[in-house]
Amino acid sequence: MRSWSLAVAIVLASAAAGCAHNNAETVAAAPEAVPRPGGTPAGPRRAPQPPNWERQDSVRKALMAEVLSTVVGRENEPAGNVFKNVKVSKDMPVKEFLTMMDAQYGRSISASCTGCHANKNVGGVLKVDYADESPKKKQIARKKARMTLSINKELEKNKELDQPFVRSTCVMCHRGAEHMPDTMEPLKNSDPAPPQRKRG
């Protein structure tokens, strides 16, 4: 009975962590059987569920509102002057900076703030430590932010583009997944041919 309670606790903890981290990366191998109390198999384990977009959006919005409440009157100041350890987009106004974090980072990879920022126990309460530089994912996100800025800057220099280019953002590659797919579905005979752009 004790092992069954432990299994239930682990499942509930995993589900709670799902709103902070993307579960799409779990292995899609054949599900293994979950033992019942007494050792008899209970059938296949449930497949991992995709992230709950609405829940993650509401969690991020609540965290954004919490952060904004701590900087009332400073919403139009540069983010680098208001927050600690802002390295990219530090001249962006605070309100715009937080909107970008929500829409361009959180939604793009289907994660909450703790997808990149450290979650720490402060007096028995979990708090997001935005200034902590230790999370590896925060460093990766920062490098990718610089990468997209660099791509856009280089494209702006290209005078041979035949139409205004769409600026690169996180969502262009991630498409709502933390780990980008590196393959495409093969075209089927019934699929329409891709449209051809007219030049000239």
Foldseek 3Di string as FASTA:
>chain_A
DVVVVVVVVVVVVVVVCCLAAFPVPDDPDFFDFDADPVGHTDDGDDDDDGRDLVSNLVLQVVVLVVVCVVVPPQQQQFCPVVDAPDDPSRRHGNVVVSVCCNPQPCQLAVHHPVNAFDWDQDPNDTDTDRNDPPGPSVVVVVVVVVVQVVVQVVVVPDPPDQDDDDRDTSNVASVHHNDGDPDDDDDDPPDDDDDDDDDD
